[in-house]
Amino acid sequence: MRKITASTFVSLDGVMQAPGGPEEDPVGGFEFGGWTFHYWDEVMGAAMDETFSKPFALLLGRRTYDIFAAYWPYQQSGLIADSFNAATKYVATHRPDSLTWQNSQSLGDNVVATLRQLKQEAGPDLLIQGSSELIQTLLANGLIDEITLLIFPLVLGKGKRLFGNDALPAAFQLTKSLASSTGVIMARYERGGEIKTGSFAQEQPSEAEIERRKNWK
């Protein structure tokens, strides 16, 4: 069974829009494109190399696909360029005939159903890059098995966010973490079952607590 994994740059307030440059995705008047640029170091480079050193197929939303297709085929040979160009690209798009990057194919009209089928087939894991809208769809359907977050020490305010209100509740367990010299936390989470709840409340609540609960309702 193939896993769907996401590797995502995110700010402290959950924004993932346009990490690579000002012209990457200015939708909505986003003003901080390229917010990851000054945080890169050797630790981050090694972590990214580890992500891309294993076989994978790319899973992309249409906007991210267009960004990548206009960049990676024109880069000189290297681990990421070679891996991205050679990988199969599965794309959520309404314009399948315009997928010109090599090894690209549409996920069709029912993205969720297609991905459920792909997960059951043999092949490399499906790696999501960028693609905030597609990530929202996958989270709402419980389809992401592993998330690697690169959490940058800044607050961006407005922008496209990783998690929305429609995400399917689920528990994850931390399987690896490290920090860069620039304060970026890299954390890998794997799906860990259902959410378990408990309570720190007193067995016999005070009259003030009872009244508070009445007022809350």
N, C-alpha and C. Protein backbone atom coordinates (compact mmCIF):
# COMPACT_ATOMS: atom_id res chain seq x y z
N MET A 1 0.84 -1.20 0.00
CA MET A 1 0.00 0.00 0.00
C MET A 1 0.88 1.25 0.00
N ARG A 2 0.57 2.18 -0.87
CA ARG A 2 1.34 3.41 -0.96
C ARG A 2 0.85 4.44 0.06
N LYS A 3 1.77 5.21 0.59
CA LYS A 3 1.41 6.27 1.51
C LYS A 3 1.32 7.59 0.77
N ILE A 4 0.50 8.48 1.29
CA ILE A 4 0.49 9.87 0.85
C ILE A 4 1.18 10.68 1.93
N THR A 5 2.24 11.36 1.55
CA THR A 5 3.00 12.16 2.51
C THR A 5 3.03 13.61 2.06
N ALA A 6 3.10 14.51 3.00
CA ALA A 6 3.20 15.94 2.70
C ALA A 6 4.46 16.49 3.36
N SER A 7 5.22 17.27 2.61
CA SER A 7 6.38 17.98 3.17
C SER A 7 6.15 19.46 2.90
N THR A 8 5.98 20.22 3.98
CA THR A 8 5.44 21.56 3.84
C THR A 8 6.21 22.59 4.65
N PHE A 9 6.52 23.72 4.01
CA PHE A 9 7.06 24.88 4.71
C PHE A 9 5.88 25.64 5.31
N VAL A 10 5.99 26.01 6.58
CA VAL A 10 4.87 26.67 7.24
C VAL A 10 5.38 27.68 8.26
N SER A 11 4.67 28.79 8.39
CA SER A 11 5.01 29.80 9.40
C SER A 11 4.41 29.40 10.75
N LEU A 12 4.75 30.13 11.79
CA LEU A 12 4.22 29.82 13.11
C LEU A 12 2.70 29.92 13.15
N ASP A 13 2.12 30.79 12.32
CA ASP A 13 0.67 30.93 12.30
C ASP A 13 0.03 30.12 11.18
N GLY A 14 0.77 29.16 10.63
CA GLY A 14 0.17 28.19 9.74
C GLY A 14 0.10 28.55 8.27
N VAL A 15 0.73 29.66 7.86
CA VAL A 15 0.70 30.08 6.46
C VAL A 15 1.74 29.30 5.66
N MET A 16 1.36 28.82 4.46
CA MET A 16 2.27 28.07 3.61
C MET A 16 2.42 28.68 2.22
N GLN A 17 1.87 29.86 2.01
CA GLN A 17 1.82 30.47 0.68
C GLN A 17 3.18 31.04 0.26
N ALA A 18 3.56 30.80 -0.99
CA ALA A 18 4.71 31.42 -1.66
C ALA A 18 5.98 31.44 -0.83
N PRO A 19 6.48 30.28 -0.39
CA PRO A 19 7.72 30.28 0.37
C PRO A 19 8.97 30.59 -0.46
N GLY A 20 8.87 30.42 -1.80
CA GLY A 20 10.08 30.47 -2.62
C GLY A 20 10.44 31.79 -3.24
N GLY A 21 9.48 32.72 -3.39
CA GLY A 21 9.80 33.99 -4.03
C GLY A 21 8.59 34.87 -4.22
N PRO A 22 8.79 36.18 -4.44
CA PRO A 22 7.69 37.14 -4.55
C PRO A 22 6.72 36.84 -5.70
N GLU A 23 7.22 36.26 -6.79
CA GLU A 23 6.37 36.00 -7.95
C GLU A 23 5.75 34.61 -7.93
N GLU A 24 6.01 33.85 -6.90
CA GLU A 24 5.56 32.46 -6.86
C GLU A 24 4.04 32.36 -6.78
N ASP A 25 3.44 33.07 -5.83
CA ASP A 25 1.99 33.01 -5.65
C ASP A 25 1.50 34.26 -4.91
N PRO A 26 1.32 35.37 -5.64
CA PRO A 26 0.88 36.61 -5.00
C PRO A 26 -0.63 36.72 -4.86
N VAL A 27 -1.36 35.63 -5.06
CA VAL A 27 -2.82 35.64 -4.99
C VAL A 27 -3.29 36.21 -3.65
N GLY A 28 -4.32 37.04 -3.71
CA GLY A 28 -4.86 37.65 -2.50
C GLY A 28 -4.03 38.79 -1.97
N GLY A 29 -3.10 39.29 -2.80
CA GLY A 29 -2.24 40.38 -2.36
C GLY A 29 -1.18 39.98 -1.37
N PHE A 30 -0.80 38.69 -1.37
CA PHE A 30 0.21 38.22 -0.43
C PHE A 30 1.54 38.94 -0.68
N GLU A 31 2.12 39.52 0.37
CA GLU A 31 3.25 40.44 0.24
C GLU A 31 4.59 39.84 0.65
N PHE A 32 4.61 38.61 1.15
CA PHE A 32 5.84 38.10 1.75
C PHE A 32 6.41 36.89 1.01
N GLY A 33 6.16 36.80 -0.29
CA GLY A 33 6.70 35.70 -1.06
C GLY A 33 8.22 35.61 -0.94
N GLY A 34 8.72 34.41 -0.67
CA GLY A 34 10.15 34.21 -0.47
C GLY A 34 10.57 34.25 0.98
N TRP A 35 9.62 34.01 1.88
CA TRP A 35 9.88 34.15 3.32
C TRP A 35 10.80 33.08 3.89
N THR A 36 11.10 32.03 3.14
CA THR A 36 12.02 30.99 3.64
C THR A 36 13.49 31.28 3.29
N PHE A 37 13.74 32.20 2.38
CA PHE A 37 15.04 32.35 1.74
C PHE A 37 16.20 32.52 2.73
N HIS A 38 16.06 33.35 3.72
CA HIS A 38 17.17 33.68 4.62
C HIS A 38 17.34 32.70 5.77
N TYR A 39 16.61 31.60 5.75
CA TYR A 39 16.68 30.64 6.85
C TYR A 39 17.41 29.34 6.49
N TRP A 40 17.84 29.20 5.25
CA TRP A 40 18.44 27.93 4.83
C TRP A 40 19.83 27.74 5.42
N ASP A 41 20.13 26.51 5.83
CA ASP A 41 21.47 26.15 6.30
C ASP A 41 21.73 24.69 5.93
N GLU A 42 22.87 24.17 6.34
CA GLU A 42 23.25 22.80 5.98
C GLU A 42 22.31 21.76 6.58
N VAL A 43 21.80 22.02 7.76
CA VAL A 43 20.90 21.06 8.40
C VAL A 43 19.62 20.92 7.58
N MET A 44 19.08 22.04 7.14
CA MET A 44 17.88 21.99 6.32
C MET A 44 18.15 21.32 4.99
N GLY A 45 19.29 21.63 4.40
CA GLY A 45 19.65 21.02 3.13
C GLY A 45 19.73 19.51 3.23
N ALA A 46 20.32 19.02 4.33
CA ALA A 46 20.44 17.58 4.53
C ALA A 46 19.06 16.95 4.72
N ALA A 47 18.18 17.64 5.44
CA ALA A 47 16.83 17.13 5.66
C ALA A 47 16.06 17.04 4.35
N MET A 48 16.20 18.04 3.50
CA MET A 48 15.51 18.02 2.21
C MET A 48 16.09 16.92 1.31
N ASP A 49 17.40 16.74 1.35
CA ASP A 49 18.01 15.67 0.56
C ASP A 49 17.47 14.31 0.98
N GLU A 50 17.27 14.13 2.29
CA GLU A 50 16.73 12.87 2.79
C GLU A 50 15.31 12.64 2.24
N THR A 51 14.52 13.71 2.20
CA THR A 51 13.15 13.60 1.70
C THR A 51 13.12 13.15 0.25
N PHE A 52 14.04 13.71 -0.55
CA PHE A 52 13.99 13.46 -1.99
C PHE A 52 14.90 12.32 -2.44
N SER A 53 15.59 11.68 -1.52
CA SER A 53 16.50 10.60 -1.90
C SER A 53 15.79 9.27 -2.08
N LYS A 54 14.58 9.15 -1.55
CA LYS A 54 13.81 7.92 -1.69
C LYS A 54 12.89 8.02 -2.92
N PRO A 55 12.53 6.91 -3.52
CA PRO A 55 11.62 6.96 -4.67
C PRO A 55 10.28 7.58 -4.28
N PHE A 56 9.72 8.39 -5.15
CA PHE A 56 8.43 9.01 -4.89
C PHE A 56 7.79 9.42 -6.21
N ALA A 57 6.47 9.58 -6.15
CA ALA A 57 5.72 10.25 -7.21
C ALA A 57 5.21 11.56 -6.63
N LEU A 58 5.14 12.59 -7.45
CA LEU A 58 4.67 13.88 -6.98
C LEU A 58 3.15 13.96 -7.06
N LEU A 59 2.57 14.58 -6.05
CA LEU A 59 1.13 14.80 -6.00
C LEU A 59 0.94 16.31 -5.88
N LEU A 60 0.34 16.93 -6.90
CA LEU A 60 0.34 18.39 -6.99
C LEU A 60 -1.03 18.95 -7.35
N GLY A 61 -1.34 20.11 -6.75
CA GLY A 61 -2.44 20.92 -7.22
C GLY A 61 -2.01 21.66 -8.47
N ARG A 62 -2.98 22.20 -9.22
CA ARG A 62 -2.65 22.79 -10.50
C ARG A 62 -1.75 24.01 -10.39
N ARG A 63 -1.97 24.86 -9.40
CA ARG A 63 -1.15 26.06 -9.28
C ARG A 63 0.31 25.70 -8.98
N THR A 64 0.52 24.77 -8.05
CA THR A 64 1.89 24.34 -7.74
C THR A 64 2.51 23.64 -8.94
N TYR A 65 1.73 22.83 -9.65
CA TYR A 65 2.24 22.17 -10.85
C TYR A 65 2.77 23.21 -11.84
N ASP A 66 2.02 24.25 -12.08
CA ASP A 66 2.45 25.28 -13.04
C ASP A 66 3.73 25.97 -12.58
N ILE A 67 3.85 26.23 -11.28
CA ILE A 67 5.07 26.84 -10.74
C ILE A 67 6.27 25.91 -10.98
N PHE A 68 6.10 24.65 -10.65
CA PHE A 68 7.19 23.68 -10.80
C PHE A 68 7.54 23.45 -12.27
N ALA A 69 6.51 23.34 -13.13
CA ALA A 69 6.75 23.05 -14.54
C ALA A 69 7.46 24.19 -15.26
N ALA A 70 7.35 25.39 -14.71
CA ALA A 70 8.04 26.54 -15.29
C ALA A 70 9.44 26.72 -14.73
N TYR A 71 9.82 25.87 -13.79
CA TYR A 71 11.12 26.02 -13.13
C TYR A 71 12.02 24.78 -13.26
N TRP A 72 11.54 23.63 -12.77
CA TRP A 72 12.44 22.48 -12.63
C TRP A 72 12.94 21.90 -13.96
N PRO A 73 12.17 21.86 -15.03
CA PRO A 73 12.72 21.33 -16.28
C PRO A 73 13.87 22.17 -16.85
N TYR A 74 14.02 23.38 -16.34
CA TYR A 74 15.04 24.29 -16.88
C TYR A 74 16.25 24.43 -15.96
N GLN A 75 16.30 23.59 -14.90
CA GLN A 75 17.43 23.64 -13.97
C GLN A 75 18.48 22.60 -14.35
N GLN A 76 19.72 22.90 -14.02
CA GLN A 76 20.80 21.96 -14.27
C GLN A 76 20.63 20.74 -13.36
N SER A 77 21.31 19.67 -13.73
CA SER A 77 21.19 18.41 -13.01
C SER A 77 21.52 18.58 -11.53
N GLY A 78 20.75 17.93 -10.69
CA GLY A 78 20.93 17.94 -9.24
C GLY A 78 19.90 17.00 -8.65
N LEU A 79 20.02 16.71 -7.35
CA LEU A 79 19.13 15.73 -6.73
C LEU A 79 17.67 16.09 -6.92
N ILE A 80 17.28 17.33 -6.57
CA ILE A 80 15.87 17.70 -6.64
C ILE A 80 15.42 17.79 -8.09
N ALA A 81 16.17 18.47 -8.94
CA ALA A 81 15.77 18.61 -10.34
C ALA A 81 15.64 17.25 -11.01
N ASP A 82 16.63 16.39 -10.82
CA ASP A 82 16.58 15.06 -11.43
C ASP A 82 15.39 14.25 -10.90
N SER A 83 15.16 14.32 -9.59
CA SER A 83 14.07 13.56 -8.98
C SER A 83 12.71 14.06 -9.46
N PHE A 84 12.52 15.38 -9.46
CA PHE A 84 11.24 15.95 -9.87
C PHE A 84 10.96 15.70 -11.35
N ASN A 85 11.96 15.86 -12.18
CA ASN A 85 11.74 15.69 -13.61
C ASN A 85 11.45 14.23 -13.97
N ALA A 86 12.08 13.30 -13.27
CA ALA A 86 11.88 11.89 -13.57
C ALA A 86 10.60 11.32 -12.96
N ALA A 87 10.14 11.90 -11.85
CA ALA A 87 9.00 11.35 -11.12
C ALA A 87 7.71 11.46 -11.93
N THR A 88 6.80 10.53 -11.67
CA THR A 88 5.44 10.68 -12.18
C THR A 88 4.77 11.81 -11.42
N LYS A 89 4.10 12.70 -12.16
CA LYS A 89 3.39 13.81 -11.55
C LYS A 89 1.88 13.56 -11.66
N TYR A 90 1.20 13.38 -10.52
CA TYR A 90 -0.25 13.26 -10.50
C TYR A 90 -0.82 14.63 -10.14
N VAL A 91 -1.71 15.16 -10.99
CA VAL A 91 -2.11 16.56 -10.87
C VAL A 91 -3.63 16.68 -10.77
N ALA A 92 -4.08 17.46 -9.80
CA ALA A 92 -5.49 17.82 -9.70
C ALA A 92 -5.74 19.02 -10.61
N THR A 93 -6.42 18.80 -11.71
CA THR A 93 -6.59 19.86 -12.70
C THR A 93 -7.85 19.65 -13.51
N HIS A 94 -8.43 20.77 -13.97
CA HIS A 94 -9.55 20.72 -14.90
C HIS A 94 -9.08 20.88 -16.34
N ARG A 95 -7.76 20.98 -16.52
CA ARG A 95 -7.19 21.18 -17.86
C ARG A 95 -6.13 20.10 -18.14
N PRO A 96 -6.54 18.85 -18.21
CA PRO A 96 -5.56 17.76 -18.37
C PRO A 96 -4.76 17.84 -19.66
N ASP A 97 -5.32 18.42 -20.71
CA ASP A 97 -4.61 18.48 -21.99
C ASP A 97 -3.43 19.44 -21.97
N SER A 98 -3.35 20.28 -20.93
CA SER A 98 -2.27 21.27 -20.87
C SER A 98 -1.13 20.86 -19.94
N LEU A 99 -1.08 19.59 -19.55
CA LEU A 99 0.00 19.09 -18.70
C LEU A 99 1.20 18.73 -19.58
N THR A 100 2.13 19.66 -19.72
CA THR A 100 3.23 19.50 -20.67
C THR A 100 4.51 18.98 -20.05
N TRP A 101 4.64 19.02 -18.73
CA TRP A 101 5.85 18.53 -18.06
C TRP A 101 5.90 17.01 -18.19
N GLN A 102 7.05 16.48 -18.48
CA GLN A 102 7.18 15.04 -18.72
C GLN A 102 6.65 14.22 -17.55
N ASN A 103 6.05 13.08 -17.89
CA ASN A 103 5.53 12.11 -16.91
C ASN A 103 4.40 12.69 -16.06
N SER A 104 3.58 13.55 -16.64
CA SER A 104 2.46 14.15 -15.91
C SER A 104 1.15 13.52 -16.33
N GLN A 105 0.26 13.32 -15.35
CA GLN A 105 -1.07 12.82 -15.66
C GLN A 105 -2.09 13.38 -14.70
N SER A 106 -3.30 13.55 -15.20
CA SER A 106 -4.39 14.12 -14.42
C SER A 106 -4.96 13.10 -13.44
N LEU A 107 -5.44 13.59 -12.30
CA LEU A 107 -6.12 12.74 -11.33
C LEU A 107 -7.59 12.55 -11.69
N GLY A 108 -8.04 13.20 -12.75
CA GLY A 108 -9.42 13.01 -13.21
C GLY A 108 -10.42 13.85 -12.45
N ASP A 109 -11.69 13.57 -12.69
CA ASP A 109 -12.77 14.37 -12.12
C ASP A 109 -12.98 14.11 -10.63
N ASN A 110 -12.72 12.90 -10.19
CA ASN A 110 -12.91 12.55 -8.78
C ASN A 110 -11.54 12.29 -8.15
N VAL A 111 -10.93 13.37 -7.65
CA VAL A 111 -9.57 13.29 -7.12
C VAL A 111 -9.48 12.33 -5.94
N VAL A 112 -10.44 12.40 -5.04
CA VAL A 112 -10.42 11.56 -3.84
C VAL A 112 -10.49 10.09 -4.21
N ALA A 113 -11.41 9.73 -5.10
CA ALA A 113 -11.55 8.33 -5.50
C ALA A 113 -10.29 7.82 -6.20
N THR A 114 -9.72 8.66 -7.06
CA THR A 114 -8.50 8.26 -7.76
C THR A 114 -7.36 8.01 -6.79
N LEU A 115 -7.23 8.87 -5.79
CA LEU A 115 -6.15 8.72 -4.82
C LEU A 115 -6.37 7.51 -3.92
N ARG A 116 -7.59 7.23 -3.58
CA ARG A 116 -7.86 6.01 -2.80
C ARG A 116 -7.41 4.78 -3.59
N GLN A 117 -7.65 4.80 -4.89
CA GLN A 117 -7.23 3.68 -5.72
C GLN A 117 -5.72 3.61 -5.84
N LEU A 118 -5.07 4.76 -6.05
CA LEU A 118 -3.61 4.79 -6.17
C LEU A 118 -2.93 4.29 -4.91
N LYS A 119 -3.51 4.59 -3.75
CA LYS A 119 -2.93 4.14 -2.49
C LYS A 119 -2.91 2.62 -2.38
N GLN A 120 -3.84 1.97 -3.06
CA GLN A 120 -3.92 0.52 -2.98
C GLN A 120 -2.98 -0.17 -3.97
N GLU A 121 -2.43 0.58 -4.90
CA GLU A 121 -1.58 -0.01 -5.93
C GLU A 121 -0.13 -0.06 -5.49
N ALA A 122 0.65 -0.88 -6.18
CA ALA A 122 2.08 -0.92 -5.93
C ALA A 122 2.75 0.29 -6.55
N GLY A 123 3.81 0.76 -5.92
CA GLY A 123 4.53 1.90 -6.44
C GLY A 123 5.09 2.76 -5.33
N PRO A 124 5.82 3.80 -5.69
CA PRO A 124 6.42 4.68 -4.68
C PRO A 124 5.35 5.51 -3.97
N ASP A 125 5.71 6.00 -2.80
CA ASP A 125 4.80 6.87 -2.06
C ASP A 125 4.50 8.14 -2.86
N LEU A 126 3.37 8.76 -2.55
CA LEU A 126 2.92 9.97 -3.22
C LEU A 126 3.28 11.17 -2.34
N LEU A 127 4.13 12.04 -2.85
CA LEU A 127 4.67 13.16 -2.08
C LEU A 127 4.01 14.46 -2.52
N ILE A 128 3.35 15.14 -1.59
CA ILE A 128 2.73 16.43 -1.86
C ILE A 128 3.74 17.53 -1.61
N GLN A 129 3.83 18.44 -2.57
CA GLN A 129 4.63 19.65 -2.41
C GLN A 129 3.71 20.85 -2.64
N GLY A 130 3.77 21.84 -1.74
CA GLY A 130 2.88 22.99 -1.89
C GLY A 130 1.43 22.54 -1.92
N SER A 131 0.65 23.08 -2.90
CA SER A 131 -0.69 22.57 -3.19
C SER A 131 -1.64 22.71 -2.00
N SER A 132 -1.81 23.93 -1.50
CA SER A 132 -2.61 24.14 -0.30
C SER A 132 -4.06 23.68 -0.46
N GLU A 133 -4.67 23.95 -1.61
CA GLU A 133 -6.07 23.54 -1.80
C GLU A 133 -6.20 22.02 -1.84
N LEU A 134 -5.28 21.35 -2.52
CA LEU A 134 -5.31 19.90 -2.57
C LEU A 134 -5.09 19.30 -1.18
N ILE A 135 -4.18 19.88 -0.41
CA ILE A 135 -3.95 19.40 0.95
C ILE A 135 -5.22 19.51 1.78
N GLN A 136 -5.97 20.61 1.62
CA GLN A 136 -7.23 20.76 2.36
C GLN A 136 -8.19 19.62 2.02
N THR A 137 -8.27 19.26 0.74
CA THR A 137 -9.14 18.17 0.32
C THR A 137 -8.69 16.84 0.93
N LEU A 138 -7.40 16.59 0.92
CA LEU A 138 -6.88 15.33 1.45
C LEU A 138 -7.07 15.24 2.97
N LEU A 139 -6.85 16.34 3.67
CA LEU A 139 -7.06 16.34 5.12
C LEU A 139 -8.52 16.13 5.47
N ALA A 140 -9.41 16.69 4.66
CA ALA A 140 -10.84 16.53 4.91
C ALA A 140 -11.30 15.10 4.71
N ASN A 141 -10.52 14.32 3.95
CA ASN A 141 -10.88 12.93 3.67
C ASN A 141 -9.95 11.92 4.34
N GLY A 142 -9.08 12.40 5.23
CA GLY A 142 -8.22 11.51 5.99
C GLY A 142 -7.22 10.74 5.14
N LEU A 143 -6.73 11.35 4.07
CA LEU A 143 -5.88 10.64 3.12
C LEU A 143 -4.38 10.86 3.32
N ILE A 144 -3.99 11.77 4.18
CA ILE A 144 -2.57 12.01 4.40
C ILE A 144 -2.07 11.12 5.53
N ASP A 145 -1.06 10.31 5.23
CA ASP A 145 -0.53 9.36 6.20
C ASP A 145 0.64 9.91 7.01
N GLU A 146 1.38 10.86 6.42
CA GLU A 146 2.58 11.39 7.08
C GLU A 146 2.76 12.85 6.69
N ILE A 147 3.12 13.68 7.65
CA ILE A 147 3.34 15.10 7.40
C ILE A 147 4.71 15.49 7.96
N THR A 148 5.54 16.08 7.10
CA THR A 148 6.78 16.68 7.57
C THR A 148 6.62 18.19 7.49
N LEU A 149 6.71 18.84 8.64
CA LEU A 149 6.57 20.29 8.72
C LEU A 149 7.93 20.93 8.93
N LEU A 150 8.25 21.92 8.13
CA LEU A 150 9.40 22.79 8.37
C LEU A 150 8.82 24.10 8.87
N ILE A 151 8.92 24.30 10.18
CA ILE A 151 8.23 25.41 10.85
C ILE A 151 9.21 26.57 11.03
N PHE A 152 8.92 27.66 10.35
CA PHE A 152 9.82 28.82 10.34
C PHE A 152 9.43 29.81 11.43
N PRO A 153 10.42 30.44 12.07
CA PRO A 153 10.15 31.30 13.22
C PRO A 153 9.69 32.70 12.81
N LEU A 154 8.53 32.77 12.19
CA LEU A 154 7.96 34.06 11.81
C LEU A 154 6.45 33.93 11.69
N VAL A 155 5.76 35.06 11.82
CA VAL A 155 4.30 35.13 11.70
C VAL A 155 3.99 35.95 10.46
N LEU A 156 3.16 35.39 9.56
CA LEU A 156 2.89 36.05 8.29
C LEU A 156 1.52 36.72 8.23
N GLY A 157 0.63 36.39 9.14
CA GLY A 157 -0.69 37.01 9.10
C GLY A 157 -1.57 36.37 8.04
N LYS A 158 -1.96 37.15 7.04
CA LYS A 158 -2.84 36.64 5.99
C LYS A 158 -2.06 35.72 5.05
N GLY A 159 -2.78 34.78 4.45
CA GLY A 159 -2.17 33.88 3.48
C GLY A 159 -2.82 32.52 3.49
N LYS A 160 -2.51 31.70 2.50
CA LYS A 160 -3.05 30.35 2.41
C LYS A 160 -2.48 29.50 3.54
N ARG A 161 -3.34 28.78 4.22
CA ARG A 161 -2.94 28.04 5.40
C ARG A 161 -2.95 26.53 5.19
N LEU A 162 -2.15 25.85 5.98
CA LEU A 162 -2.04 24.40 5.89
C LEU A 162 -3.30 23.72 6.37
N PHE A 163 -3.79 24.09 7.54
CA PHE A 163 -4.95 23.43 8.13
C PHE A 163 -6.16 24.36 8.09
N GLY A 164 -7.29 23.81 7.65
CA GLY A 164 -8.54 24.55 7.66
C GLY A 164 -9.53 23.89 8.59
N ASN A 165 -10.74 24.43 8.64
CA ASN A 165 -11.76 23.92 9.55
C ASN A 165 -12.33 22.57 9.14
N ASP A 166 -12.07 22.14 7.89
CA ASP A 166 -12.66 20.91 7.41
C ASP A 166 -11.76 19.68 7.57
N ALA A 167 -10.59 19.86 8.18
CA ALA A 167 -9.68 18.72 8.36
C ALA A 167 -10.35 17.65 9.23
N LEU A 168 -10.21 16.40 8.81
CA LEU A 168 -10.78 15.28 9.56
C LEU A 168 -9.97 15.09 10.84
N PRO A 169 -10.60 15.13 12.02
CA PRO A 169 -9.84 14.96 13.26
C PRO A 169 -9.07 13.65 13.29
N ALA A 170 -7.82 13.71 13.70
CA ALA A 170 -6.97 12.53 13.77
C ALA A 170 -5.78 12.83 14.67
N ALA A 171 -5.24 11.80 15.29
CA ALA A 171 -4.03 11.94 16.09
C ALA A 171 -2.82 11.58 15.23
N PHE A 172 -1.70 12.26 15.47
CA PHE A 172 -0.44 11.95 14.80
C PHE A 172 0.63 11.77 15.88
N GLN A 173 1.65 10.98 15.55
CA GLN A 173 2.75 10.80 16.48
C GLN A 173 4.04 11.33 15.86
N LEU A 174 4.84 12.01 16.67
CA LEU A 174 6.11 12.56 16.22
C LEU A 174 7.12 11.43 16.09
N THR A 175 7.71 11.28 14.89
CA THR A 175 8.67 10.21 14.67
C THR A 175 10.09 10.72 14.48
N LYS A 176 10.24 12.02 14.20
CA LYS A 176 11.59 12.59 14.05
C LYS A 176 11.50 14.10 14.17
N SER A 177 12.51 14.71 14.78
CA SER A 177 12.54 16.17 14.85
C SER A 177 13.98 16.65 14.99
N LEU A 178 14.25 17.81 14.45
CA LEU A 178 15.53 18.49 14.62
C LEU A 178 15.34 19.95 14.32
N ALA A 179 16.33 20.77 14.69
CA ALA A 179 16.25 22.21 14.48
C ALA A 179 17.47 22.69 13.72
N SER A 180 17.26 23.68 12.86
CA SER A 180 18.36 24.27 12.11
C SER A 180 19.05 25.34 12.94
N SER A 181 20.18 25.82 12.45
CA SER A 181 20.90 26.89 13.14
C SER A 181 20.15 28.21 13.06
N THR A 182 19.16 28.29 12.16
CA THR A 182 18.39 29.53 11.99
C THR A 182 17.05 29.49 12.70
N GLY A 183 16.79 28.42 13.44
CA GLY A 183 15.56 28.34 14.23
C GLY A 183 14.41 27.65 13.55
N VAL A 184 14.65 26.99 12.43
CA VAL A 184 13.59 26.23 11.76
C VAL A 184 13.48 24.86 12.40
N ILE A 185 12.28 24.49 12.81
CA ILE A 185 12.03 23.18 13.39
C ILE A 185 11.50 22.25 12.31
N MET A 186 12.15 21.11 12.14
CA MET A 186 11.72 20.12 11.17
C MET A 186 11.16 18.93 11.93
N ALA A 187 9.89 18.64 11.74
CA ALA A 187 9.21 17.59 12.51
C ALA A 187 8.41 16.69 11.59
N ARG A 188 8.61 15.39 11.77
CA ARG A 188 7.88 14.40 10.97
C ARG A 188 6.82 13.74 11.83
N TYR A 189 5.58 13.71 11.33
CA TYR A 189 4.47 13.12 12.05
C TYR A 189 3.83 12.02 11.20
N GLU A 190 3.54 10.88 11.84
CA GLU A 190 2.82 9.80 11.18
C GLU A 190 1.47 9.61 11.84
N ARG A 191 0.52 9.21 11.05
CA ARG A 191 -0.84 9.04 11.57
C ARG A 191 -0.83 8.08 12.77
N GLY A 192 -1.54 8.48 13.83
CA GLY A 192 -1.48 7.72 15.08
C GLY A 192 -2.82 7.30 15.64
N GLY A 193 -3.83 7.15 14.77
CA GLY A 193 -5.13 6.67 15.25
C GLY A 193 -6.10 7.79 15.57
N GLU A 194 -7.08 7.47 16.38
CA GLU A 194 -8.12 8.44 16.72
C GLU A 194 -7.67 9.34 17.88
N ILE A 195 -8.34 10.47 18.00
CA ILE A 195 -8.07 11.39 19.10
C ILE A 195 -8.67 10.84 20.40
N LYS A 196 -7.89 10.86 21.46
CA LYS A 196 -8.36 10.43 22.77
C LYS A 196 -8.48 11.66 23.68
N THR A 197 -9.59 11.78 24.33
CA THR A 197 -9.82 12.93 25.20
C THR A 197 -9.85 12.50 26.66
N GLY A 198 -9.67 13.45 27.53
CA GLY A 198 -9.73 13.23 28.97
C GLY A 198 -10.12 14.52 29.66
N SER A 199 -10.00 14.58 30.96
CA SER A 199 -10.40 15.78 31.68
C SER A 199 -9.57 15.96 32.94
N PHE A 200 -9.15 17.22 33.16
CA PHE A 200 -8.46 17.59 34.40
C PHE A 200 -9.43 18.21 35.41
N ALA A 201 -10.71 18.19 35.10
CA ALA A 201 -11.69 18.80 35.98
C ALA A 201 -11.84 18.02 37.29
N GLN A 202 -12.25 18.70 38.34
CA GLN A 202 -12.49 18.05 39.62
C GLN A 202 -13.70 17.12 39.51
N GLU A 203 -13.65 16.02 40.26
CA GLU A 203 -14.79 15.10 40.25
C GLU A 203 -16.04 15.79 40.78
N GLN A 204 -15.86 16.62 41.77
CA GLN A 204 -16.98 17.39 42.32
C GLN A 204 -16.74 18.86 42.00
N PRO A 205 -17.32 19.37 40.92
CA PRO A 205 -17.06 20.77 40.53
C PRO A 205 -17.61 21.74 41.56
N SER A 206 -16.94 22.88 41.67
CA SER A 206 -17.37 23.92 42.59
C SER A 206 -18.66 24.56 42.09
N GLU A 207 -19.33 25.30 43.00
CA GLU A 207 -20.54 26.00 42.59
C GLU A 207 -20.23 27.02 41.49
N ALA A 208 -19.04 27.65 41.57
CA ALA A 208 -18.65 28.62 40.55
C ALA A 208 -18.47 27.93 39.19
N GLU A 209 -17.93 26.71 39.22
CA GLU A 209 -17.74 25.98 37.97
C GLU A 209 -19.09 25.56 37.39
N ILE A 210 -20.00 25.13 38.24
CA ILE A 210 -21.34 24.75 37.78
C ILE A 210 -22.03 25.94 37.14
N GLU A 211 -21.90 27.09 37.77
CA GLU A 211 -22.51 28.31 37.23
C GLU A 211 -21.86 28.70 35.91
N ARG A 212 -20.53 28.54 35.83
CA ARG A 212 -19.83 28.87 34.59
C ARG A 212 -20.34 28.03 33.43
N ARG A 213 -20.57 26.74 33.69
CA ARG A 213 -21.06 25.85 32.64
C ARG A 213 -22.46 26.25 32.20
N LYS A 214 -23.27 26.67 33.13
CA LYS A 214 -24.63 27.12 32.77
C LYS A 214 -24.55 28.35 31.87
N ASN A 215 -23.68 29.27 32.22
CA ASN A 215 -23.56 30.51 31.44
C ASN A 215 -22.98 30.24 30.06
N TRP A 216 -22.08 29.26 29.98
CA TRP A 216 -21.46 28.93 28.70
C TRP A 216 -22.50 28.39 27.72
N LYS A 217 -23.41 27.59 28.23
CA LYS A 217 -24.44 27.01 27.37
C LYS A 217 -25.44 28.08 26.92
